[in-house]
Amino acid sequence: MSKEILAPLAGKIIQLNIEVGVAVEEDEEILVIEAMKMETPVFAPASGTIESIRVSAGDEVEEDQVLAVIGD
């Protein structure tokens, strides 16, 4: 079962720490969003393999936007 990684807030993606096909552990930092000059890390909600990444560094995102998908 796939698990979507959602943006916790609106902001700009300033760092991606993942690639498609890479295994991640639950609570591993996978990217960083900047909003109002504050950096907010986003963590993997579950362990698995990155199936897709739907954003790039520099992209502006909205709250609850799907950033990436983790598969089993």
C-alpha atoms as a PDB file:
ATOM      1  CA  MET A   1       0.000   0.000   0.000  1.00  0.00           C
ATOM      2  CA  SER A   2       1.354   3.406  -0.967  1.00  0.00           C
ATOM      3  CA  LYS A   3       1.589   6.299   1.473  1.00  0.00           C
ATOM      4  CA  GLU A   4       1.489   9.922   0.315  1.00  0.00           C
ATOM      5  CA  ILE A   5       3.793  12.488   1.876  1.00  0.00           C
ATOM      6  CA  LEU A   6       1.881  15.758   2.231  1.00  0.00           C
ATOM      7  CA  ALA A   7       3.166  19.293   2.723  1.00  0.00           C
ATOM      8  CA  PRO A   8       2.520  20.334   6.336  1.00  0.00           C
ATOM      9  CA  LEU A   9       2.363  24.005   5.278  1.00  0.00           C
ATOM     10  CA  ALA A  10       2.623  26.250   2.236  1.00  0.00           C
ATOM     11  CA  GLY A  11       6.144  27.273   1.301  1.00  0.00           C
ATOM     12  CA  LYS A  12       9.118  26.668  -0.964  1.00  0.00           C
ATOM     13  CA  ILE A  13      10.998  23.371  -1.291  1.00  0.00           C
ATOM     14  CA  ILE A  14      14.621  24.243  -0.507  1.00  0.00           C
ATOM     15  CA  GLN A  15      16.153  20.777  -0.114  1.00  0.00           C
ATOM     16  CA  LEU A  16      15.331  17.252  -1.333  1.00  0.00           C
ATOM     17  CA  ASN A  17      17.067  14.359   0.432  1.00  0.00           C
ATOM     18  CA  ILE A  18      15.448  11.553  -1.571  1.00  0.00           C
ATOM     19  CA  GLU A  19      15.437   9.968  -5.022  1.00  0.00           C
ATOM     20  CA  VAL A  20      12.998   7.572  -6.678  1.00  0.00           C
ATOM     21  CA  GLY A  21      13.839   3.988  -5.766  1.00  0.00           C
ATOM     22  CA  VAL A  22      15.634   4.842  -2.514  1.00  0.00           C
ATOM     23  CA  ALA A  23      14.548   3.096   0.692  1.00  0.00           C
ATOM     24  CA  VAL A  24      13.613   5.369   3.603  1.00  0.00           C
ATOM     25  CA  GLU A  25      12.866   4.696   7.250  1.00  0.00           C
ATOM     26  CA  GLU A  26       9.898   6.080   9.169  1.00  0.00           C
ATOM     27  CA  ASP A  27      10.722   9.534  10.614  1.00  0.00           C
ATOM     28  CA  GLU A  28      13.700  10.015   8.245  1.00  0.00           C
ATOM     29  CA  GLU A  29      14.034  13.626   7.019  1.00  0.00           C
ATOM     30  CA  ILE A  30      13.201  13.605   3.342  1.00  0.00           C
ATOM     31  CA  LEU A  31      12.965  17.285   2.422  1.00  0.00           C
ATOM     32  CA  VAL A  32      12.892  20.821   3.810  1.00  0.00           C
ATOM     33  CA  ILE A  33      10.264  23.514   3.202  1.00  0.00           C
ATOM     34  CA  GLU A  34      10.944  27.195   3.848  1.00  0.00           C
ATOM     35  CA  ALA A  35       8.088  29.467   4.883  1.00  0.00           C
ATOM     36  CA  MET A  36       8.480  32.990   6.270  1.00  0.00           C
ATOM     37  CA  LYS A  37      12.267  32.488   6.561  1.00  0.00           C
ATOM     38  CA  MET A  38      11.790  29.403   8.780  1.00  0.00           C
ATOM     39  CA  GLU A  39      12.947  25.977   7.628  1.00  0.00           C
ATOM     40  CA  THR A  40      10.606  23.077   8.345  1.00  0.00           C
ATOM     41  CA  PRO A  41      11.840  19.510   7.810  1.00  0.00           C
ATOM     42  CA  VAL A  42       9.385  16.949   6.439  1.00  0.00           C
ATOM     43  CA  PHE A  43       9.774  13.385   7.656  1.00  0.00           C
ATOM     44  CA  ALA A  44       8.757  10.060   6.112  1.00  0.00           C
ATOM     45  CA  PRO A  45       5.437   8.917   7.629  1.00  0.00           C
ATOM     46  CA  ALA A  46       6.357   5.258   7.072  1.00  0.00           C
ATOM     47  CA  SER A  47       9.233   3.031   6.004  1.00  0.00           C
ATOM     48  CA  GLY A  48       9.372   1.941   2.359  1.00  0.00           C
ATOM     49  CA  THR A  49      10.720   2.827  -1.059  1.00  0.00           C
ATOM     50  CA  ILE A  50      10.208   6.179  -2.762  1.00  0.00           C
ATOM     51  CA  GLU A  51       7.871   5.479  -5.709  1.00  0.00           C
ATOM     52  CA  SER A  52       7.540   9.032  -7.006  1.00  0.00           C
ATOM     53  CA  ILE A  53       8.598  12.577  -6.233  1.00  0.00           C
ATOM     54  CA  ARG A  54       6.155  15.254  -7.338  1.00  0.00           C
ATOM     55  CA  VAL A  55       8.193  18.353  -6.500  1.00  0.00           C
ATOM     56  CA  SER A  56      11.659  19.758  -7.146  1.00  0.00           C
ATOM     57  CA  ALA A  57      13.898  22.110  -5.186  1.00  0.00           C
ATOM     58  CA  GLY A  58      12.634  25.646  -5.734  1.00  0.00           C
ATOM     59  CA  ASP A  59       8.982  24.657  -6.190  1.00  0.00           C
ATOM     60  CA  GLU A  60       6.299  26.552  -4.282  1.00  0.00           C
ATOM     61  CA  VAL A  61       3.840  24.171  -2.615  1.00  0.00           C
ATOM     62  CA  GLU A  62       0.474  24.498  -0.908  1.00  0.00           C
ATOM     63  CA  GLU A  63      -0.514  22.964   2.426  1.00  0.00           C
ATOM     64  CA  ASP A  64      -1.552  19.289   2.016  1.00  0.00           C
ATOM     65  CA  GLN A  65      -0.088  19.069  -1.498  1.00  0.00           C
ATOM     66  CA  VAL A  66       1.326  15.612  -2.302  1.00  0.00           C
ATOM     67  CA  LEU A  67       5.127  15.878  -2.311  1.00  0.00           C
ATOM     68  CA  ALA A  68       6.107  12.238  -2.807  1.00  0.00           C
ATOM     69  CA  VAL A  69       4.772   8.689  -2.536  1.00  0.00           C
ATOM     70  CA  ILE A  70       6.275   5.846  -0.502  1.00  0.00           C
ATOM     71  CA  GLY A  71       5.540   2.247  -1.459  1.00  0.00           C
ATOM     72  CA  ASP A  72       6.010  -0.939   0.555  1.00  0.00           C
END
